[in-house]
C-alpha atoms as a PDB file:
ATOM      1  CA  MET A   1      22.939  63.911 338.532  1.00  0.00           C
ATOM      2  CA  CYS A   2      25.291  62.235 335.879  1.00  0.00           C
ATOM      3  CA  ARG A   3      26.072  64.360 332.786  1.00  0.00           C
ATOM      4  CA  VAL A   4      27.190  62.656 329.921  1.00  0.00           C
ATOM      5  CA  LYS A   5      30.726  63.919 328.820  1.00  0.00           C
ATOM      6  CA  TYR A   6      31.752  60.614 326.269  1.00  0.00           C
ATOM      7  CA  LEU A   7      30.159  59.237 323.697  1.00  0.00           C
ATOM      8  CA  TRP A   8      30.430  57.291 320.227  1.00  0.00           C
ATOM      9  CA  ASP A   9      29.297  58.091 317.105  1.00  0.00           C
ATOM     10  CA  VAL A  10      27.980  54.865 314.752  1.00  0.00           C
ATOM     11  CA  THR A  11      30.968  55.255 312.996  1.00  0.00           C
ATOM     12  CA  THR A  12      33.122  54.484 316.288  1.00  0.00           C
ATOM     13  CA  ILE A  13      30.713  52.104 317.235  1.00  0.00           C
ATOM     14  CA  LYS A  14      30.882  50.034 313.928  1.00  0.00           C
ATOM     15  CA  ALA A  15      34.603  50.205 314.260  1.00  0.00           C
ATOM     16  CA  PHE A  16      34.582  48.912 317.739  1.00  0.00           C
ATOM     17  CA  LEU A  17      32.052  46.015 316.939  1.00  0.00           C
ATOM     18  CA  LYS A  18      34.525  44.814 314.083  1.00  0.00           C
ATOM     19  CA  VAL A  19      37.901  44.771 315.906  1.00  0.00           C
ATOM     20  CA  ALA A  20      35.478  42.652 318.670  1.00  0.00           C
ATOM     21  CA  THR A  21      33.242  40.532 316.753  1.00  0.00           C
ATOM     22  CA  GLU A  22      35.599  37.378 317.057  1.00  0.00           C
ATOM     23  CA  ASN A  23      36.379  38.303 320.722  1.00  0.00           C
ATOM     24  CA  ARG A  24      34.202  35.797 323.123  1.00  0.00           C
ATOM     25  CA  LEU A  25      32.572  38.445 325.134  1.00  0.00           C
ATOM     26  CA  TYR A  26      31.471  40.107 322.039  1.00  0.00           C
ATOM     27  CA  PRO A  27      27.755  39.385 323.003  1.00  0.00           C
ATOM     28  CA  ALA A  28      28.445  41.802 326.363  1.00  0.00           C
ATOM     29  CA  PHE A  29      29.388  44.900 324.198  1.00  0.00           C
ATOM     30  CA  HIS A  30      26.751  44.162 321.732  1.00  0.00           C
ATOM     31  CA  LEU A  31      24.390  44.212 324.118  1.00  0.00           C
ATOM     32  CA  ALA A  32      25.536  47.108 326.384  1.00  0.00           C
ATOM     33  CA  ILE A  33      25.314  49.063 322.658  1.00  0.00           C
ATOM     34  CA  THR A  34      21.554  47.753 321.580  1.00  0.00           C
ATOM     35  CA  THR A  35      19.903  47.582 324.737  1.00  0.00           C
ATOM     36  CA  GLY A  36      21.810  50.290 326.846  1.00  0.00           C
ATOM     37  CA  MET A  37      21.604  47.771 329.866  1.00  0.00           C
ATOM     38  CA  ARG A  38      24.204  47.922 332.929  1.00  0.00           C
ATOM     39  CA  ARG A  39      27.195  45.818 333.018  1.00  0.00           C
ATOM     40  CA  GLY A  40      25.999  43.724 335.791  1.00  0.00           C
ATOM     41  CA  GLU A  41      22.309  43.204 334.135  1.00  0.00           C
ATOM     42  CA  ILE A  42      24.285  41.651 331.092  1.00  0.00           C
ATOM     43  CA  LEU A  43      26.367  39.514 333.540  1.00  0.00           C
ATOM     44  CA  GLY A  44      23.634  38.606 334.676  1.00  0.00           C
ATOM     45  CA  LEU A  45      21.750  37.651 332.358  1.00  0.00           C
ATOM     46  CA  ARG A  46      20.176  34.053 331.875  1.00  0.00           C
ATOM     47  CA  TRP A  47      18.375  32.285 328.890  1.00  0.00           C
ATOM     48  CA  LYS A  48      15.630  31.737 330.728  1.00  0.00           C
ATOM     49  CA  ASP A  49      14.893  35.860 330.402  1.00  0.00           C
ATOM     50  CA  ILE A  50      15.055  35.898 327.055  1.00  0.00           C
ATOM     51  CA  ASP A  51      12.346  35.127 324.746  1.00  0.00           C
ATOM     52  CA  LEU A  52      13.901  34.561 320.992  1.00  0.00           C
ATOM     53  CA  GLU A  53      10.734  33.776 319.565  1.00  0.00           C
ATOM     54  CA  LYS A  54       8.842  37.312 320.610  1.00  0.00           C
ATOM     55  CA  GLY A  55      12.499  39.209 320.359  1.00  0.00           C
ATOM     56  CA  ILE A  56      12.213  40.602 324.248  1.00  0.00           C
ATOM     57  CA  LEU A  57      14.701  40.150 326.802  1.00  0.00           C
ATOM     58  CA  TYR A  58      13.817  40.466 330.882  1.00  0.00           C
ATOM     59  CA  VAL A  59      15.902  42.182 333.119  1.00  0.00           C
ATOM     60  CA  ARG A  60      15.389  39.842 336.255  1.00  0.00           C
ATOM     61  CA  GLN A  61      19.067  39.243 337.487  1.00  0.00           C
ATOM     62  CA  THR A  62      22.211  41.127 338.293  1.00  0.00           C
ATOM     63  CA  LEU A  63      25.622  39.851 338.811  1.00  0.00           C
ATOM     64  CA  SER A  64      27.795  42.055 341.697  1.00  0.00           C
ATOM     65  CA  ARG A  65      30.308  43.945 341.212  1.00  0.00           C
ATOM     66  CA  ASP A  66      33.126  41.650 342.270  1.00  0.00           C
ATOM     67  CA  GLY A  67      31.219  38.758 340.606  1.00  0.00           C
ATOM     68  CA  LYS A  68      30.753  36.499 343.137  1.00  0.00           C
ATOM     69  CA  HIS A  69      27.267  36.785 344.052  1.00  0.00           C
ATOM     70  CA  PHE A  70      24.010  36.864 341.714  1.00  0.00           C
ATOM     71  CA  LEU A  71      21.478  39.242 342.900  1.00  0.00           C
ATOM     72  CA  ASN A  72      17.783  38.977 342.200  1.00  0.00           C
ATOM     73  CA  GLY A  73      15.999  42.154 340.363  1.00  0.00           C
ATOM     74  CA  ALA A  74      18.020  45.338 339.556  1.00  0.00           C
ATOM     75  CA  LYS A  75      19.596  48.127 340.625  1.00  0.00           C
ATOM     76  CA  THR A  76      16.171  49.669 341.026  1.00  0.00           C
ATOM     77  CA  ASP A  77      12.810  48.416 341.086  1.00  0.00           C
ATOM     78  CA  ALA A  78      12.146  50.317 337.616  1.00  0.00           C
ATOM     79  CA  GLY A  79      15.295  48.761 336.473  1.00  0.00           C
ATOM     80  CA  VAL A  80      13.473  45.029 336.542  1.00  0.00           C
ATOM     81  CA  ARG A  81      12.418  45.615 333.099  1.00  0.00           C
ATOM     82  CA  SER A  82      11.274  44.183 329.648  1.00  0.00           C
ATOM     83  CA  ILE A  83      13.171  45.097 326.502  1.00  0.00           C
ATOM     84  CA  GLN A  84      12.801  44.727 323.266  1.00  0.00           C
ATOM     85  CA  LEU A  85      15.702  43.125 320.723  1.00  0.00           C
ATOM     86  CA  ALA A  86      17.038  43.968 317.553  1.00  0.00           C
ATOM     87  CA  ASN A  87      17.000  42.052 314.630  1.00  0.00           C
ATOM     88  CA  GLU A  88      20.691  41.863 314.555  1.00  0.00           C
ATOM     89  CA  SER A  89      20.647  41.040 318.677  1.00  0.00           C
ATOM     90  CA  ILE A  90      18.346  37.965 318.209  1.00  0.00           C
ATOM     91  CA  VAL A  91      20.639  36.333 315.271  1.00  0.00           C
ATOM     92  CA  MET A  92      23.633  36.940 317.784  1.00  0.00           C
ATOM     93  CA  LEU A  93      22.371  35.526 320.682  1.00  0.00           C
ATOM     94  CA  LYS A  94      21.108  32.399 318.775  1.00  0.00           C
ATOM     95  CA  LYS A  95      24.841  32.239 317.565  1.00  0.00           C
ATOM     96  CA  GLN A  96      25.690  32.508 321.295  1.00  0.00           C
ATOM     97  CA  LYS A  97      23.329  30.054 322.470  1.00  0.00           C
ATOM     98  CA  ARG A  98      24.786  27.320 319.929  1.00  0.00           C
ATOM     99  CA  LEU A  99      28.085  28.138 320.752  1.00  0.00           C
ATOM    100  CA  ILE A 100      26.993  27.501 324.884  1.00  0.00           C
ATOM    101  CA  ALA A 101      25.558  24.180 323.963  1.00  0.00           C
ATOM    102  CA  LYS A 102      29.029  23.097 322.250  1.00  0.00           C
ATOM    103  CA  GLU A 103      30.658  23.993 325.335  1.00  0.00           C
ATOM    104  CA  LYS A 104      28.280  22.593 327.859  1.00  0.00           C
ATOM    105  CA  LEU A 105      28.620  18.726 325.581  1.00  0.00           C
ATOM    106  CA  SER A 106      32.415  19.328 325.217  1.00  0.00           C
ATOM    107  CA  TYR A 107      33.120  20.055 329.004  1.00  0.00           C
ATOM    108  CA  GLY A 108      30.851  17.365 330.194  1.00  0.00           C
ATOM    109  CA  PRO A 109      29.939  16.851 333.881  1.00  0.00           C
ATOM    110  CA  GLY A 110      32.261  19.359 335.464  1.00  0.00           C
ATOM    111  CA  TYR A 111      30.271  22.042 333.235  1.00  0.00           C
ATOM    112  CA  THR A 112      28.945  24.724 335.847  1.00  0.00           C
ATOM    113  CA  ASP A 113      25.276  25.722 334.701  1.00  0.00           C
ATOM    114  CA  TYR A 114      24.258  29.074 335.492  1.00  0.00           C
ATOM    115  CA  ASP A 115      21.886  29.556 332.612  1.00  0.00           C
ATOM    116  CA  LEU A 116      24.137  32.401 331.555  1.00  0.00           C
ATOM    117  CA  VAL A 117      24.190  33.811 328.673  1.00  0.00           C
ATOM    118  CA  ILE A 118      27.769  35.549 329.136  1.00  0.00           C
ATOM    119  CA  CYS A 119      30.024  33.052 330.658  1.00  0.00           C
ATOM    120  CA  THR A 120      33.447  31.323 330.696  1.00  0.00           C
ATOM    121  CA  SER A 121      33.927  28.271 328.548  1.00  0.00           C
ATOM    122  CA  LYS A 122      32.685  26.230 331.412  1.00  0.00           C
ATOM    123  CA  GLY A 123      29.977  27.951 332.598  1.00  0.00           C
ATOM    124  CA  THR A 124      31.081  30.072 335.385  1.00  0.00           C
ATOM    125  CA  PRO A 125      30.428  34.109 335.676  1.00  0.00           C
ATOM    126  CA  VAL A 126      32.466  36.577 334.127  1.00  0.00           C
ATOM    127  CA  ILE A 127      34.200  38.851 336.279  1.00  0.00           C
ATOM    128  CA  PRO A 128      33.678  41.839 335.680  1.00  0.00           C
ATOM    129  CA  SER A 129      36.945  43.105 336.059  1.00  0.00           C
ATOM    130  CA  ASN A 130      37.985  40.469 333.110  1.00  0.00           C
ATOM    131  CA  LEU A 131      34.887  42.333 331.072  1.00  0.00           C
ATOM    132  CA  LYS A 132      36.715  45.462 331.599  1.00  0.00           C
ATOM    133  CA  ARG A 133      40.323  44.602 330.769  1.00  0.00           C
ATOM    134  CA  THR A 134      39.191  43.299 327.559  1.00  0.00           C
ATOM    135  CA  TYR A 135      36.892  46.412 326.277  1.00  0.00           C
ATOM    136  CA  GLN A 136      39.863  48.235 327.072  1.00  0.00           C
ATOM    137  CA  ARG A 137      42.181  46.018 324.951  1.00  0.00           C
ATOM    138  CA  LEU A 138      39.852  46.060 322.057  1.00  0.00           C
ATOM    139  CA  ILE A 139      39.483  49.736 322.525  1.00  0.00           C
ATOM    140  CA  LYS A 140      43.216  50.152 322.165  1.00  0.00           C
ATOM    141  CA  GLU A 141      43.121  47.721 318.912  1.00  0.00           C
ATOM    142  CA  ALA A 142      40.284  49.763 317.123  1.00  0.00           C
ATOM    143  CA  ASP A 143      42.333  52.945 317.730  1.00  0.00           C
ATOM    144  CA  ILE A 144      39.315  54.616 318.928  1.00  0.00           C
ATOM    145  CA  PRO A 145      38.055  57.154 321.984  1.00  0.00           C
ATOM    146  CA  VAL A 146      38.362  55.597 325.086  1.00  0.00           C
ATOM    147  CA  ILE A 147      34.933  55.816 327.007  1.00  0.00           C
ATOM    148  CA  ARG A 148      33.892  53.785 329.907  1.00  0.00           C
ATOM    149  CA  PHE A 149      31.682  50.360 329.302  1.00  0.00           C
ATOM    150  CA  HIS A 150      28.864  52.179 331.257  1.00  0.00           C
ATOM    151  CA  ASP A 151      29.453  54.904 328.408  1.00  0.00           C
ATOM    152  CA  LEU A 152      27.905  52.515 326.236  1.00  0.00           C
ATOM    153  CA  ARG A 153      24.536  52.387 327.780  1.00  0.00           C
ATOM    154  CA  HIS A 154      24.748  56.701 327.275  1.00  0.00           C
ATOM    155  CA  THR A 155      25.605  56.134 323.522  1.00  0.00           C
ATOM    156  CA  HIS A 156      22.513  53.910 323.416  1.00  0.00           C
ATOM    157  CA  ALA A 157      20.380  56.243 324.678  1.00  0.00           C
ATOM    158  CA  THR A 158      21.966  59.613 322.703  1.00  0.00           C
ATOM    159  CA  MET A 159      21.295  56.927 319.263  1.00  0.00           C
ATOM    160  CA  LEU A 160      17.827  56.695 319.992  1.00  0.00           C
ATOM    161  CA  LEU A 161      17.218  60.312 320.894  1.00  0.00           C
ATOM    162  CA  ALA A 162      19.046  61.269 318.017  1.00  0.00           C
ATOM    163  CA  GLN A 163      16.525  59.019 315.622  1.00  0.00           C
ATOM    164  CA  GLY A 164      13.802  60.634 317.523  1.00  0.00           C
ATOM    165  CA  VAL A 165      12.611  58.170 319.608  1.00  0.00           C
ATOM    166  CA  HIS A 166      10.616  59.640 322.405  1.00  0.00           C
ATOM    167  CA  ALA A 167      11.992  60.165 326.135  1.00  0.00           C
ATOM    168  CA  LYS A 168       9.394  57.591 327.574  1.00  0.00           C
ATOM    169  CA  VAL A 169      10.425  54.891 325.613  1.00  0.00           C
ATOM    170  CA  ILE A 170      14.139  55.068 326.032  1.00  0.00           C
ATOM    171  CA  SER A 171      13.477  55.392 329.822  1.00  0.00           C
ATOM    172  CA  GLU A 172      11.895  52.513 330.034  1.00  0.00           C
ATOM    173  CA  ARG A 173      14.372  50.779 328.222  1.00  0.00           C
ATOM    174  CA  LEU A 174      17.106  52.139 330.650  1.00  0.00           C
ATOM    175  CA  GLY A 175      15.457  51.235 333.669  1.00  0.00           C
ATOM    176  CA  HIS A 176      14.820  54.962 334.993  1.00  0.00           C
ATOM    177  CA  SER A 177      12.459  55.216 337.539  1.00  0.00           C
ATOM    178  CA  ASN A 178      10.752  57.786 335.640  1.00  0.00           C
ATOM    179  CA  ILE A 179      11.047  60.040 332.355  1.00  0.00           C
ATOM    180  CA  LYS A 180      12.155  62.849 334.574  1.00  0.00           C
ATOM    181  CA  THR A 181      15.747  61.236 335.272  1.00  0.00           C
ATOM    182  CA  THR A 182      15.998  60.512 331.706  1.00  0.00           C
ATOM    183  CA  LEU A 183      15.637  63.911 330.387  1.00  0.00           C
ATOM    184  CA  ASP A 184      17.702  65.284 333.566  1.00  0.00           C
ATOM    185  CA  ILE A 185      20.755  63.492 332.413  1.00  0.00           C
ATOM    186  CA  TYR A 186      20.322  63.845 328.498  1.00  0.00           C
ATOM    187  CA  SER A 187      19.026  67.590 328.859  1.00  0.00           C
ATOM    188  CA  HIS A 188      22.113  68.970 327.507  1.00  0.00           C
ATOM    189  CA  ILE A 189      22.200  66.600 324.130  1.00  0.00           C
ATOM    190  CA  LEU A 190      18.382  67.584 323.608  1.00  0.00           C
ATOM    191  CA  PRO A 191      18.719  71.406 322.604  1.00  0.00           C
ATOM    192  CA  ASN A 192      21.221  70.240 319.691  1.00  0.00           C
ATOM    193  CA  MET A 193      18.313  68.564 318.312  1.00  0.00           C
ATOM    194  CA  GLN A 194      15.998  71.580 318.209  1.00  0.00           C
ATOM    195  CA  GLU A 195      17.688  72.902 314.824  1.00  0.00           C
ATOM    196  CA  ASP A 196      16.745  69.507 313.289  1.00  0.00           C
ATOM    197  CA  ALA A 197      13.146  69.561 314.755  1.00  0.00           C
ATOM    198  CA  ALA A 198      12.642  72.914 313.178  1.00  0.00           C
ATOM    199  CA  ASN A 199      14.099  71.599 309.674  1.00  0.00           C
ATOM    200  CA  GLN A 200      11.558  69.016 309.649  1.00  0.00           C
ATOM    201  CA  ILE A 201       8.755  71.417 310.254  1.00  0.00           C
ATOM    202  CA  ASP A 202       9.653  73.692 307.706  1.00  0.00           C
ATOM    203  CA  ALA A 203       9.778  70.568 305.259  1.00  0.00           C
ATOM    204  CA  LEU A 204       6.654  69.190 306.268  1.00  0.00           C
ATOM    205  CA  LEU A 205       4.855  72.588 305.764  1.00  0.00           C
ATOM    206  CA  SER A 206       6.434  73.490 302.324  1.00  0.00           C
ATOM    207  CA  ASN A 207       5.159  70.373 301.291  1.00  0.00           C
ATOM    208  CA  THR A 208       1.646  71.628 301.763  1.00  0.00           C
ATOM    209  CA  LYS A 209       2.062  74.457 299.632  1.00  0.00           C
END
């Protein structure tokens, strides 16, 4: 079972996003942090899989590791899922949609339309290795600890756990087959929250006196 070793805290996340904000691939990094989606899920995401009015994203397609093929579904059956979007994510996606519409119009008939949310200026898929190189360069520019792109997924889950979000909800967002998988991966983080839980109990009981 995978164990989480390296994560970013909120301050580090903000430092990274600040540096990445003007980069073309910013939406990919934003989604990784705010939804916990896998790299292939993000690069395979289509506009038809997003309901901006309801603020819901559906994971229904992934891009292969070599960036040459689209795969229906997700890594697991449970990976085909819906994810509620944060308001900031909705704003970001609306901006991204306007950008792509302009590029499509500017490029003309030669534009390759895969309906992708994350794509090149001519509509083609972003090669995973190119995303990785950009990610590593931005980390260096931000002068923050190096973690893998996949660790953004773990960072997302840990942030939610720290905020008291139920593990079942986190399991559903990540597309785990069951809650046990989620608890096994993040079990070493949960004990650190025991003190906070005890303090909250003390606070509640003291208010009843």
